[in-house]
């Protein structure tokens, strides 16, 4: 693998793009969930978690006997605020990622370690303590 990298002359850098917020996630008897409804930048680290939360809430609403149009409407109303907050957080985290020197990278990693240990539990409480009562 290192031979391939060492013998390469050109590297392609691709920006990460995310999908703008969709005005609606459902129409009639069809609904989008997960990345299809609210794709998020990989910088948030929450894509799979949001898809699982979506699936669980939607299953609960349908299990509880809601008609599809009511279930879909309730689903979007409940999920949209949380999802959009996470998408915006991912955009924010990605916007400050730039190519830096080796020294700057070491400093950045040290600062991240310090701040994550000091503040992550409190600042990420809203993200990780989300519960769907089954």
Protein backbone atom coordinates (compact mmCIF):
# COMPACT_ATOMS: atom_id res chain seq x y z
CA UNK A 1 0.00 0.00 0.00
CA UNK A 2 2.78 2.46 0.84
CA UNK A 3 4.34 1.80 -2.59
CA UNK A 4 1.15 3.00 -4.25
CA UNK A 5 1.15 6.19 -2.19
CA UNK A 6 4.88 6.82 -2.61
CA UNK A 7 4.66 6.36 -6.39
CA UNK A 8 1.66 8.65 -6.82
CA UNK A 9 2.29 12.09 -8.15
CA UNK A 10 -1.17 13.65 -7.96
CA UNK A 11 -3.65 13.53 -5.14
CA UNK A 12 -7.26 14.52 -5.47
CA UNK A 13 -8.78 16.40 -2.58
CA UNK A 14 -12.53 16.28 -2.41
CA UNK A 15 -14.67 18.48 -0.27
CA UNK A 16 -17.44 16.94 1.76
CA UNK A 17 -20.87 18.20 0.80
CA UNK A 18 -24.10 17.65 2.61
CA UNK A 19 -27.66 17.86 1.38
CA UNK A 20 -29.64 20.97 2.21
CA UNK A 21 -32.68 20.45 4.42
CA UNK A 22 -35.58 18.91 2.55
CA UNK A 23 -38.92 20.71 2.89
CA UNK A 24 -40.76 17.40 3.52
CA UNK A 25 -39.72 13.85 4.28
CA UNK A 26 -42.93 12.13 3.21
CA UNK A 27 -45.61 12.14 0.58
CA UNK A 28 -48.70 9.95 0.69
CA UNK A 29 -47.56 6.48 1.79
CA UNK A 30 -43.82 6.95 1.19
CA UNK A 31 -41.35 8.36 3.74
CA UNK A 32 -37.63 9.00 3.75
CA UNK A 33 -35.60 8.26 6.87
CA UNK A 34 -31.91 8.31 7.74
CA UNK A 35 -29.52 9.83 5.22
CA UNK A 36 -32.23 9.82 2.55
CA UNK A 37 -34.14 12.41 4.58
CA UNK A 38 -31.33 14.22 6.35
CA UNK A 39 -27.84 13.34 5.14
CA UNK A 40 -25.24 14.63 7.54
CA UNK A 41 -21.56 15.38 7.15
CA UNK A 42 -19.28 12.61 8.42
CA UNK A 43 -17.84 15.26 10.77
CA UNK A 44 -20.81 14.79 13.08
CA UNK A 45 -20.25 11.06 13.47
CA UNK A 46 -24.01 10.60 13.88
CA UNK A 47 -25.35 9.34 10.54
CA UNK A 48 -25.95 5.72 11.58
CA UNK A 49 -27.26 6.73 15.01
CA UNK A 50 -29.81 9.10 13.48
CA UNK A 51 -30.97 6.40 11.05
CA UNK A 52 -31.49 3.97 13.94
CA UNK A 53 -33.36 6.60 15.96
CA UNK A 54 -35.54 7.28 12.91
CA UNK A 55 -36.32 3.59 12.42
CA UNK A 56 -37.17 3.09 16.08
CA UNK A 57 -39.49 6.09 16.33
CA UNK A 58 -41.23 5.28 13.05
CA UNK A 59 -41.73 1.65 14.13
CA UNK A 60 -43.15 2.83 17.45
CA UNK A 61 -45.61 5.21 15.79
CA UNK A 62 -46.82 2.53 13.39
CA UNK A 63 -46.93 -0.09 16.18
CA UNK A 64 -49.10 2.21 18.26
CA UNK A 65 -51.74 2.11 15.53
CA UNK A 66 -51.32 5.51 13.99
CA UNK A 67 -52.52 5.82 10.41
CA UNK A 68 -49.58 6.26 8.01
CA UNK A 69 -50.25 9.92 7.26
CA UNK A 70 -50.52 10.69 10.99
CA UNK A 71 -47.47 8.56 11.81
CA UNK A 72 -45.39 10.22 9.10
CA UNK A 73 -46.48 13.71 10.10
CA UNK A 74 -45.76 13.04 13.78
CA UNK A 75 -42.43 11.44 12.90
CA UNK A 76 -41.25 14.48 10.95
CA UNK A 77 -42.51 16.92 13.59
CA UNK A 78 -40.67 15.05 16.37
CA UNK A 79 -37.44 14.24 14.51
CA UNK A 80 -36.79 17.40 12.46
CA UNK A 81 -35.55 19.71 15.29
CA UNK A 82 -33.03 17.17 16.61
CA UNK A 83 -31.84 16.08 13.19
CA UNK A 84 -31.36 19.62 11.89
CA UNK A 85 -29.41 20.54 15.03
CA UNK A 86 -27.08 17.56 14.46
CA UNK A 87 -26.67 18.40 10.76
CA UNK A 88 -25.74 21.99 11.65
CA UNK A 89 -23.26 20.71 14.26
CA UNK A 90 -21.63 18.50 11.61
CA UNK A 91 -21.33 21.45 9.24
CA UNK A 92 -19.77 23.53 12.01
CA UNK A 93 -17.25 20.81 12.89
CA UNK A 94 -16.29 20.39 9.24
CA UNK A 95 -15.89 24.09 8.49
CA UNK A 96 -12.80 24.46 10.68
CA UNK A 97 -10.90 21.49 9.24
CA UNK A 98 -8.00 22.73 7.18
CA UNK A 99 -4.68 21.29 6.15
CA UNK A 100 -2.03 22.28 8.69
CA UNK A 101 1.65 21.63 9.31
CA UNK A 102 2.80 18.66 11.42
CA UNK A 103 3.49 20.98 14.36
CA UNK A 104 0.05 22.61 14.09
CA UNK A 105 -1.53 19.17 13.90
CA UNK A 106 0.19 18.11 17.16
CA UNK A 107 -1.00 21.30 18.88
CA UNK A 108 -4.55 20.81 17.55
CA UNK A 109 -4.63 17.18 18.74
CA UNK A 110 -3.39 18.21 22.19
CA UNK A 111 -6.02 20.95 22.45
CA UNK A 112 -8.77 18.58 21.32
CA UNK A 113 -7.72 16.05 23.95
CA UNK A 114 -7.73 18.72 26.67
CA UNK A 115 -11.10 20.20 25.71
CA UNK A 116 -12.80 16.87 25.09
CA UNK A 117 -11.74 15.59 28.50
CA UNK A 118 -12.78 18.83 30.19
CA UNK A 119 -16.08 19.59 28.47
CA UNK A 120 -17.31 16.74 26.24
CA UNK A 121 -19.57 15.03 28.75
CA UNK A 122 -21.53 18.19 29.55
CA UNK A 123 -21.54 19.69 26.05
CA UNK A 124 -22.62 16.45 24.34
CA UNK A 125 -25.31 15.49 26.86
CA UNK A 126 -28.07 16.52 24.41
CA UNK A 127 -26.56 14.32 21.73
CA UNK A 128 -25.94 11.05 23.53
CA UNK A 129 -28.73 10.94 26.12
CA UNK A 130 -31.57 10.93 23.61
CA UNK A 131 -34.19 8.29 24.40
CA UNK A 132 -37.22 6.98 22.57
CA UNK A 133 -39.62 5.51 25.10
CA UNK A 134 -40.68 2.16 23.70
